[in-house]
Amino acid sequence: MATNNEAVVEIAQTAGKYTSSIVLQADNKYIDVKSILGLFTTLVNTKSYELHVHGPDAEEAKAAVAEVFAKHGLDVKIVAE
């Protein structure tokens, strides 16, 4: 589980650098990626994710957060709005 802890913290920290709203859809739940607790409960139980990003720095945020997911071997699909 250690990897998940690292992934959760790194994803939340990365997302926190951006003003855009970054929401992770996992199953039927929507989680604010900046919330460590929300991420923690979700990343443990779910295998595939969709990322919804809205805001002034959405492009940079999408790239940065997707990179962290990939680094930790998590499969995320960026949803083009």
N, C-alpha and C. Protein backbone atom coordinates (compact mmCIF):
# COMPACT_ATOMS: atom_id res chain seq x y z
N MET A 1 0.80 -1.22 0.00
CA MET A 1 0.00 0.00 0.00
C MET A 1 0.84 1.28 0.00
N ALA A 2 2.11 1.14 0.32
CA ALA A 2 2.97 2.33 0.42
C ALA A 2 2.95 3.14 -0.88
N THR A 3 2.94 2.45 -1.98
CA THR A 3 2.92 3.14 -3.26
C THR A 3 1.69 4.03 -3.38
N ASN A 4 0.55 3.50 -2.93
CA ASN A 4 -0.67 4.30 -3.00
C ASN A 4 -0.57 5.55 -2.16
N ASN A 5 0.00 5.43 -0.96
CA ASN A 5 0.17 6.62 -0.11
C ASN A 5 0.97 7.67 -0.84
N GLU A 6 2.08 7.25 -1.43
CA GLU A 6 2.94 8.19 -2.16
C GLU A 6 2.18 8.79 -3.33
N ALA A 7 1.45 7.97 -4.05
CA ALA A 7 0.70 8.45 -5.21
C ALA A 7 -0.33 9.49 -4.77
N VAL A 8 -1.06 9.18 -3.70
CA VAL A 8 -2.10 10.09 -3.21
C VAL A 8 -1.50 11.45 -2.86
N VAL A 9 -0.43 11.44 -2.09
CA VAL A 9 0.18 12.70 -1.66
C VAL A 9 0.71 13.48 -2.86
N GLU A 10 1.40 12.78 -3.75
CA GLU A 10 1.99 13.46 -4.90
C GLU A 10 0.92 14.02 -5.85
N ILE A 11 -0.15 13.26 -6.06
CA ILE A 11 -1.23 13.73 -6.93
C ILE A 11 -1.88 14.98 -6.32
N ALA A 12 -2.18 14.93 -5.03
CA ALA A 12 -2.82 16.06 -4.36
C ALA A 12 -1.92 17.29 -4.38
N GLN A 13 -0.63 17.09 -4.12
CA GLN A 13 0.31 18.22 -4.12
C GLN A 13 0.43 18.82 -5.51
N THR A 14 0.50 17.97 -6.52
CA THR A 14 0.61 18.46 -7.89
C THR A 14 -0.65 19.24 -8.27
N ALA A 15 -1.81 18.69 -7.96
CA ALA A 15 -3.08 19.35 -8.29
C ALA A 15 -3.19 20.68 -7.57
N GLY A 16 -2.66 20.74 -6.36
CA GLY A 16 -2.75 21.95 -5.55
C GLY A 16 -1.99 23.14 -6.11
N LYS A 17 -1.11 22.88 -7.06
CA LYS A 17 -0.33 23.97 -7.67
C LYS A 17 -1.15 24.74 -8.70
N TYR A 18 -2.30 24.19 -9.08
CA TYR A 18 -3.09 24.81 -10.15
C TYR A 18 -4.39 25.39 -9.62
N THR A 19 -4.86 26.44 -10.27
CA THR A 19 -6.12 27.05 -9.85
C THR A 19 -7.32 26.33 -10.45
N SER A 20 -7.09 25.57 -11.52
CA SER A 20 -8.18 24.85 -12.17
C SER A 20 -8.83 23.86 -11.21
N SER A 21 -10.09 23.59 -11.47
CA SER A 21 -10.80 22.55 -10.74
C SER A 21 -10.37 21.23 -11.37
N ILE A 22 -9.91 20.30 -10.54
CA ILE A 22 -9.46 18.99 -11.06
C ILE A 22 -10.25 17.93 -10.32
N VAL A 23 -11.11 17.24 -11.06
CA VAL A 23 -12.00 16.26 -10.44
C VAL A 23 -11.75 14.90 -11.05
N LEU A 24 -11.67 13.91 -10.19
CA LEU A 24 -11.44 12.54 -10.62
C LEU A 24 -12.75 11.79 -10.55
N GLN A 25 -13.12 11.17 -11.66
CA GLN A 25 -14.32 10.33 -11.64
C GLN A 25 -13.87 8.89 -11.54
N ALA A 26 -14.32 8.22 -10.50
CA ALA A 26 -13.99 6.82 -10.30
C ALA A 26 -15.29 6.10 -10.01
N ASP A 27 -15.63 5.14 -10.83
CA ASP A 27 -16.94 4.50 -10.74
C ASP A 27 -17.99 5.61 -10.80
N ASN A 28 -18.84 5.73 -9.79
CA ASN A 28 -19.86 6.78 -9.85
C ASN A 28 -19.57 7.92 -8.90
N LYS A 29 -18.33 8.00 -8.45
CA LYS A 29 -17.97 9.05 -7.50
C LYS A 29 -17.14 10.12 -8.17
N TYR A 30 -17.28 11.34 -7.67
CA TYR A 30 -16.46 12.44 -8.15
C TYR A 30 -15.65 12.94 -6.97
N ILE A 31 -14.35 12.97 -7.13
CA ILE A 31 -13.47 13.34 -6.03
C ILE A 31 -12.61 14.52 -6.43
N ASP A 32 -12.52 15.49 -5.55
CA ASP A 32 -11.63 16.62 -5.78
C ASP A 32 -10.21 16.10 -5.60
N VAL A 33 -9.40 16.20 -6.65
CA VAL A 33 -8.05 15.64 -6.62
C VAL A 33 -7.17 16.35 -5.59
N LYS A 34 -7.59 17.54 -5.17
CA LYS A 34 -6.80 18.26 -4.17
C LYS A 34 -7.07 17.74 -2.75
N SER A 35 -8.03 16.84 -2.62
CA SER A 35 -8.39 16.27 -1.31
C SER A 35 -7.67 14.95 -1.10
N ILE A 36 -6.71 14.95 -0.18
CA ILE A 36 -5.94 13.73 0.08
C ILE A 36 -6.85 12.61 0.58
N LEU A 37 -7.77 12.93 1.47
CA LEU A 37 -8.66 11.90 2.02
C LEU A 37 -9.54 11.29 0.94
N GLY A 38 -10.12 12.15 0.11
CA GLY A 38 -10.98 11.65 -0.97
C GLY A 38 -10.21 10.75 -1.91
N LEU A 39 -9.01 11.17 -2.25
CA LEU A 39 -8.16 10.38 -3.14
C LEU A 39 -7.80 9.05 -2.50
N PHE A 40 -7.45 9.10 -1.25
CA PHE A 40 -6.97 7.91 -0.57
C PHE A 40 -8.02 6.80 -0.60
N THR A 41 -9.26 7.16 -0.29
CA THR A 41 -10.30 6.13 -0.26
C THR A 41 -10.62 5.63 -1.66
N THR A 42 -10.41 6.48 -2.65
CA THR A 42 -10.75 6.10 -4.02
C THR A 42 -9.68 5.27 -4.71
N LEU A 43 -8.43 5.70 -4.56
CA LEU A 43 -7.35 5.01 -5.27
C LEU A 43 -7.17 3.58 -4.79
N VAL A 44 -7.60 3.30 -3.57
CA VAL A 44 -7.44 1.96 -3.04
C VAL A 44 -8.40 0.99 -3.71
N ASN A 45 -9.61 1.45 -4.01
CA ASN A 45 -10.64 0.53 -4.47
C ASN A 45 -10.95 0.53 -5.95
N THR A 46 -10.35 1.42 -6.69
CA THR A 46 -10.75 1.58 -8.08
C THR A 46 -9.57 1.40 -9.00
N LYS A 47 -9.84 0.87 -10.19
CA LYS A 47 -8.73 0.61 -11.10
C LYS A 47 -8.68 1.56 -12.29
N SER A 48 -9.80 2.14 -12.66
CA SER A 48 -9.73 3.06 -13.80
C SER A 48 -10.41 4.38 -13.45
N TYR A 49 -9.83 5.44 -13.95
CA TYR A 49 -10.23 6.78 -13.53
C TYR A 49 -10.41 7.69 -14.74
N GLU A 50 -11.24 8.69 -14.56
CA GLU A 50 -11.35 9.75 -15.56
C GLU A 50 -11.07 11.06 -14.87
N LEU A 51 -10.32 11.91 -15.54
CA LEU A 51 -9.95 13.20 -14.98
C LEU A 51 -10.66 14.31 -15.73
N HIS A 52 -11.36 15.16 -14.98
CA HIS A 52 -12.06 16.31 -15.56
C HIS A 52 -11.38 17.58 -15.03
N VAL A 53 -10.87 18.40 -15.93
CA VAL A 53 -10.15 19.60 -15.50
C VAL A 53 -10.77 20.83 -16.15
N HIS A 54 -11.10 21.82 -15.33
CA HIS A 54 -11.67 23.08 -15.84
C HIS A 54 -10.93 24.23 -15.21
N GLY A 55 -10.60 25.25 -16.00
CA GLY A 55 -10.01 26.44 -15.41
C GLY A 55 -8.95 27.06 -16.30
N PRO A 56 -8.39 28.16 -15.83
CA PRO A 56 -7.44 28.94 -16.62
C PRO A 56 -6.15 28.20 -16.96
N ASP A 57 -5.72 27.29 -16.08
CA ASP A 57 -4.47 26.57 -16.36
C ASP A 57 -4.73 25.08 -16.57
N ALA A 58 -5.90 24.79 -17.14
CA ALA A 58 -6.33 23.40 -17.32
C ALA A 58 -5.34 22.55 -18.10
N GLU A 59 -4.78 23.10 -19.18
CA GLU A 59 -3.87 22.30 -20.00
C GLU A 59 -2.65 21.85 -19.21
N GLU A 60 -2.03 22.79 -18.49
CA GLU A 60 -0.84 22.46 -17.70
C GLU A 60 -1.22 21.48 -16.59
N ALA A 61 -2.36 21.72 -15.96
CA ALA A 61 -2.81 20.86 -14.86
C ALA A 61 -3.05 19.44 -15.35
N LYS A 62 -3.70 19.30 -16.50
CA LYS A 62 -3.97 17.97 -17.07
C LYS A 62 -2.67 17.21 -17.27
N ALA A 63 -1.72 17.87 -17.91
CA ALA A 63 -0.45 17.22 -18.22
C ALA A 63 0.28 16.81 -16.95
N ALA A 64 0.35 17.71 -15.98
CA ALA A 64 1.10 17.43 -14.75
C ALA A 64 0.48 16.31 -13.94
N VAL A 65 -0.84 16.35 -13.77
CA VAL A 65 -1.52 15.34 -12.97
C VAL A 65 -1.48 13.98 -13.67
N ALA A 66 -1.68 13.98 -14.99
CA ALA A 66 -1.64 12.73 -15.75
C ALA A 66 -0.27 12.08 -15.61
N GLU A 67 0.77 12.91 -15.60
CA GLU A 67 2.14 12.41 -15.48
C GLU A 67 2.34 11.70 -14.14
N VAL A 68 1.79 12.27 -13.07
CA VAL A 68 1.93 11.65 -11.75
C VAL A 68 1.17 10.32 -11.70
N PHE A 69 -0.04 10.29 -12.29
CA PHE A 69 -0.80 9.04 -12.33
C PHE A 69 0.03 7.97 -13.05
N ALA A 70 0.58 8.33 -14.20
CA ALA A 70 1.36 7.37 -15.00
C ALA A 70 2.58 6.88 -14.23
N LYS A 71 3.25 7.81 -13.56
CA LYS A 71 4.44 7.48 -12.79
C LYS A 71 4.16 6.39 -11.75
N HIS A 72 2.95 6.43 -11.19
CA HIS A 72 2.58 5.46 -10.16
C HIS A 72 1.80 4.28 -10.72
N GLY A 73 1.79 4.18 -12.05
CA GLY A 73 1.15 3.03 -12.68
C GLY A 73 -0.37 3.04 -12.59
N LEU A 74 -0.96 4.22 -12.45
CA LEU A 74 -2.41 4.32 -12.38
C LEU A 74 -2.95 4.73 -13.74
N ASP A 75 -3.98 4.03 -14.16
CA ASP A 75 -4.53 4.25 -15.48
C ASP A 75 -5.59 5.36 -15.43
N VAL A 76 -5.28 6.51 -16.02
CA VAL A 76 -6.24 7.61 -15.99
C VAL A 76 -6.53 8.08 -17.40
N LYS A 77 -7.80 8.40 -17.64
CA LYS A 77 -8.21 8.90 -18.95
C LYS A 77 -8.56 10.37 -18.78
N ILE A 78 -7.95 11.23 -19.57
CA ILE A 78 -8.26 12.65 -19.50
C ILE A 78 -9.50 12.89 -20.37
N VAL A 79 -10.52 13.44 -19.76
CA VAL A 79 -11.76 13.70 -20.50
C VAL A 79 -11.67 15.10 -21.11
N ALA A 80 -11.76 15.14 -22.43
CA ALA A 80 -11.71 16.45 -23.10
C ALA A 80 -13.08 17.09 -22.95
N GLU A 81 -13.09 18.29 -22.40
CA GLU A 81 -14.37 18.97 -22.17
C GLU A 81 -14.77 19.75 -23.40
